[in-house]
Amino acid sequence: MSVTWESRCRYCRRAGQKLFLKGERCFTRKCAMEKESRKKPPGQHGDDAMRRKVTEYGEQLLEKQKLKRMYQLREGQFSDYMTEATRRRGVTGENMLQLLEMRLDNVIFRLGWASSRGMARQVVSHRFFTVNGKRVNVPSFQLRPGDTIGLHESKRETSFAKGAVERVNNTTLPAWLSMDTQTYEAKVLRAPTRGEIDAEVNEQLIVEFYTR
């Protein structure tokens, strides 16, 4: 994602729910969404925004912005995923969520190696991980069932690795991923189903936004 000049907490307040953009902080009382006074939309007209009736277009736009910011994508990137999801067989909304979930940076986040997708993107860019034995530094790298993700040998003694091991041990893995903490390797068993993706969005509204 391009540089974010606006506070990430404002994105959550605008969406009306936690988007988990600050990692572990989002699970503590320091999170802005834990404070009643901060749950309204940002800006001096936040109270008015809560009372104002949202149009059909506004609902579609809100869902699209919510999902885009959750996975920290630029508008062009998000639009490309929608195009690919439309091209594939099956339900377009579910196809889109599967594509987003099987990005390398998201899988690193799901495995517990990183506390947020932003952190996962950073460590992937710094060549911390391998896919099927080859180093990959592209956060958007699309994984497939059967792919093996590993922490590169040169990074296993870093402070990041030591902290990540503790996070991994405390993370409940999705059923579509497996992890071997002894060998620092994980495997994509299959594509996730909609019920296994915890994104609290109405993907049908997003599809309607792009097909209106």
Protein backbone atom coordinates (compact mmCIF):
# COMPACT_ATOMS: atom_id res chain seq x y z
CA MET A 1 0.00 0.00 0.00
CA SER A 2 1.19 3.53 -0.66
CA VAL A 3 2.25 5.69 2.29
CA THR A 4 -0.63 6.25 4.73
CA TRP A 5 -0.65 9.87 5.87
CA GLU A 6 -3.90 9.53 7.81
CA SER A 7 -4.22 7.80 11.17
CA ARG A 8 -5.15 4.14 10.76
CA CYS A 9 -7.59 4.48 13.65
CA ARG A 10 -9.60 6.94 11.56
CA TYR A 11 -10.12 4.19 8.98
CA CYS A 12 -11.62 1.95 11.66
CA ARG A 13 -13.85 4.73 12.97
CA ARG A 14 -15.03 5.52 9.46
CA ALA A 15 -15.83 1.84 8.84
CA GLY A 16 -17.56 1.52 12.20
CA GLN A 17 -15.56 -1.59 13.13
CA LYS A 18 -12.03 -2.76 13.86
CA LEU A 19 -9.95 -3.37 10.74
CA PHE A 20 -6.96 -4.61 12.80
CA LEU A 21 -4.46 -2.29 11.13
CA LYS A 22 -2.22 -1.83 14.20
CA GLY A 23 -1.59 -5.44 15.12
CA GLU A 24 -1.51 -6.31 18.81
CA ARG A 25 -2.61 -2.80 19.85
CA CYS A 26 -6.04 -3.54 18.35
CA PHE A 27 -6.59 -6.23 20.99
CA THR A 28 -5.89 -3.91 23.93
CA ARG A 29 -7.83 -1.12 25.63
CA LYS A 30 -5.57 1.39 23.86
CA CYS A 31 -7.49 0.74 20.64
CA ALA A 32 -9.54 3.81 19.70
CA MET A 33 -12.57 1.62 18.99
CA GLU A 34 -12.65 0.60 22.67
CA LYS A 35 -13.52 4.16 23.68
CA GLU A 36 -17.16 5.21 23.41
CA SER A 37 -16.21 8.78 22.46
CA ARG A 38 -14.14 7.53 19.50
CA LYS A 39 -16.67 5.12 17.98
CA LYS A 40 -18.35 7.83 15.93
CA PRO A 41 -16.97 8.69 12.45
CA PRO A 42 -13.96 11.05 12.49
CA GLY A 43 -14.27 14.79 11.93
CA GLN A 44 -16.31 17.58 13.50
CA HIS A 45 -19.48 16.30 11.82
CA GLY A 46 -19.11 12.73 13.05
CA ASP A 47 -22.37 12.83 15.03
CA ASP A 48 -24.26 14.10 11.97
CA ALA A 49 -22.78 11.29 9.85
CA MET A 50 -24.21 8.70 12.25
CA ARG A 51 -27.72 10.15 11.89
CA ARG A 52 -27.58 10.74 8.14
CA LYS A 53 -29.25 8.12 5.94
CA VAL A 54 -26.73 6.29 3.77
CA THR A 55 -27.58 5.82 0.11
CA GLU A 56 -27.25 2.50 -1.71
CA TYR A 57 -24.11 3.79 -3.43
CA GLY A 58 -22.75 4.92 -0.07
CA GLU A 59 -23.20 1.44 1.41
CA GLN A 60 -21.41 -0.15 -1.53
CA LEU A 61 -18.55 2.36 -1.33
CA LEU A 62 -18.17 1.84 2.42
CA GLU A 63 -17.87 -1.94 2.04
CA LYS A 64 -15.34 -1.56 -0.77
CA GLN A 65 -13.21 0.91 1.21
CA LYS A 66 -13.45 -1.29 4.29
CA LEU A 67 -12.10 -4.39 2.53
CA LYS A 68 -9.46 -2.44 0.60
CA ARG A 69 -8.07 -0.91 3.78
CA MET A 70 -8.29 -4.17 5.69
CA TYR A 71 -5.88 -5.79 3.22
CA GLN A 72 -3.99 -2.49 2.73
CA LEU A 73 -4.29 -2.24 -1.04
CA ARG A 74 -4.22 0.63 -3.49
CA GLU A 75 -7.30 1.28 -5.60
CA GLY A 76 -5.70 -0.12 -8.77
CA GLN A 77 -4.63 -3.31 -7.01
CA PHE A 78 -8.09 -3.85 -5.56
CA SER A 79 -9.73 -3.29 -8.93
CA ASP A 80 -7.39 -5.88 -10.50
CA TYR A 81 -8.47 -8.47 -7.91
CA MET A 82 -12.10 -7.79 -8.75
CA THR A 83 -11.36 -8.27 -12.46
CA GLU A 84 -9.64 -11.59 -11.78
CA ALA A 85 -12.43 -12.72 -9.45
CA THR A 86 -15.00 -11.98 -12.14
CA ARG A 87 -13.02 -13.96 -14.71
CA ARG A 88 -12.92 -17.09 -12.53
CA ARG A 89 -15.70 -19.62 -12.19
CA GLY A 90 -17.82 -19.54 -9.07
CA VAL A 91 -19.22 -16.76 -6.88
CA THR A 92 -17.38 -13.53 -7.66
CA GLY A 93 -17.40 -12.20 -4.09
CA GLU A 94 -15.98 -15.40 -2.64
CA ASN A 95 -13.40 -15.60 -5.43
CA MET A 96 -12.20 -12.12 -4.52
CA LEU A 97 -11.86 -12.95 -0.83
CA GLN A 98 -9.96 -16.14 -1.65
CA LEU A 99 -7.51 -14.20 -3.84
CA LEU A 100 -6.91 -11.70 -1.05
CA GLU A 101 -6.48 -14.40 1.59
CA MET A 102 -3.92 -16.30 -0.46
CA ARG A 103 -1.60 -13.34 -0.87
CA LEU A 104 1.77 -14.13 0.68
CA ASP A 105 1.66 -11.22 3.14
CA ASN A 106 -1.80 -12.23 4.35
CA VAL A 107 -0.76 -15.87 4.84
CA ILE A 108 2.24 -14.72 6.89
CA PHE A 109 -0.21 -12.72 9.02
CA ARG A 110 -2.60 -15.68 9.36
CA LEU A 111 0.25 -17.96 10.43
CA GLY A 112 1.12 -15.57 13.27
CA TRP A 113 4.56 -14.66 11.94
CA ALA A 114 3.45 -11.01 11.91
CA SER A 115 1.04 -9.14 14.18
CA SER A 116 -0.53 -7.21 11.30
CA ARG A 117 -0.71 -7.31 7.51
CA GLY A 118 1.43 -4.18 7.40
CA MET A 119 4.19 -5.89 9.38
CA ALA A 120 3.86 -8.99 7.18
CA ARG A 121 4.28 -6.87 4.06
CA GLN A 122 7.45 -5.35 5.49
CA VAL A 123 9.17 -8.62 6.41
CA VAL A 124 8.24 -10.20 3.06
CA SER A 125 9.75 -7.19 1.27
CA HIS A 126 12.93 -7.69 3.31
CA ARG A 127 13.26 -11.26 1.97
CA PHE A 128 12.54 -13.07 5.25
CA PHE A 129 10.53 -15.85 3.61
CA THR A 130 10.76 -18.49 0.93
CA VAL A 131 8.07 -20.16 -1.15
CA ASN A 132 8.87 -23.71 -2.25
CA GLY A 133 12.51 -23.11 -1.34
CA LYS A 134 12.94 -19.84 -3.29
CA ARG A 135 13.17 -16.44 -1.69
CA VAL A 136 10.20 -14.19 -2.48
CA ASN A 137 10.03 -10.47 -1.70
CA VAL A 138 6.69 -9.65 -3.34
CA PRO A 139 3.90 -9.25 -0.72
CA SER A 140 1.19 -9.79 -3.36
CA PHE A 141 2.67 -13.14 -4.47
CA GLN A 142 -0.30 -15.44 -5.05
CA LEU A 143 0.01 -18.76 -3.24
CA ARG A 144 -1.59 -22.00 -4.40
CA PRO A 145 -2.66 -25.19 -2.60
CA GLY A 146 0.44 -27.28 -1.93
CA ASP A 147 2.85 -24.35 -1.66
CA THR A 148 5.31 -24.42 1.25
CA ILE A 149 6.32 -21.22 3.05
CA GLY A 150 9.48 -21.13 5.13
CA LEU A 151 11.49 -18.65 7.18
CA HIS A 152 14.85 -18.26 5.45
CA GLU A 153 17.80 -19.75 7.35
CA SER A 154 19.63 -16.41 7.50
CA LYS A 155 16.69 -14.84 9.36
CA ARG A 156 16.07 -17.51 11.99
CA GLU A 157 18.28 -15.93 14.65
CA THR A 158 16.94 -12.41 14.27
CA SER A 159 14.91 -10.64 16.95
CA PHE A 160 11.94 -10.81 14.61
CA ALA A 161 12.12 -14.62 14.46
CA LYS A 162 12.38 -14.95 18.23
CA GLY A 163 9.32 -12.77 18.77
CA ALA A 164 7.44 -14.46 15.96
CA VAL A 165 7.89 -17.94 17.45
CA GLU A 166 5.96 -16.84 20.53
CA ARG A 167 3.19 -15.36 18.38
CA VAL A 168 2.99 -18.54 16.30
CA ASN A 169 2.61 -20.70 19.40
CA ASN A 170 -0.31 -18.52 20.55
CA THR A 171 -2.04 -18.40 17.16
CA THR A 172 -4.93 -20.63 16.18
CA LEU A 173 -4.27 -21.57 12.57
CA PRO A 174 -7.05 -21.56 9.97
CA ALA A 175 -7.99 -25.06 8.82
CA TRP A 176 -6.60 -24.38 5.34
CA LEU A 177 -3.05 -23.85 6.67
CA SER A 178 -0.62 -26.10 8.54
CA MET A 179 2.55 -25.21 10.45
CA ASP A 180 5.63 -27.06 11.67
CA THR A 181 7.38 -24.89 14.27
CA GLN A 182 10.36 -27.24 14.37
CA THR A 183 11.28 -26.71 10.72
CA TYR A 184 9.90 -23.15 10.41
CA GLU A 185 7.73 -24.28 7.53
CA ALA A 186 4.04 -23.89 6.76
CA LYS A 187 1.90 -25.29 3.99
CA VAL A 188 -1.18 -24.12 2.13
CA LEU A 189 -3.48 -27.13 2.26
CA ARG A 190 -6.28 -25.68 0.14
CA ALA A 191 -8.12 -22.49 -0.70
CA PRO A 192 -10.20 -21.11 2.20
CA THR A 193 -13.99 -21.23 2.15
CA ARG A 194 -16.09 -18.13 2.87
CA GLY A 195 -16.90 -19.45 6.33
CA GLU A 196 -13.17 -19.61 7.15
CA ILE A 197 -12.54 -15.98 6.19
CA ASP A 198 -13.25 -13.64 9.11
CA ALA A 199 -13.54 -10.46 7.04
CA GLU A 200 -16.71 -8.76 8.30
CA VAL A 201 -17.82 -7.36 4.97
CA ASN A 202 -20.72 -7.83 2.59
CA GLU A 203 -18.81 -8.83 -0.53
CA GLN A 204 -21.97 -8.77 -2.64
CA LEU A 205 -22.20 -5.00 -2.17
CA ILE A 206 -18.62 -4.69 -3.43
CA VAL A 207 -19.46 -6.73 -6.53
CA GLU A 208 -22.46 -4.48 -7.13
CA PHE A 209 -20.24 -1.41 -6.77
CA TYR A 210 -18.02 -2.56 -9.63
CA THR A 211 -20.88 -3.74 -11.84
CA ARG A 212 -23.24 -0.79 -11.43
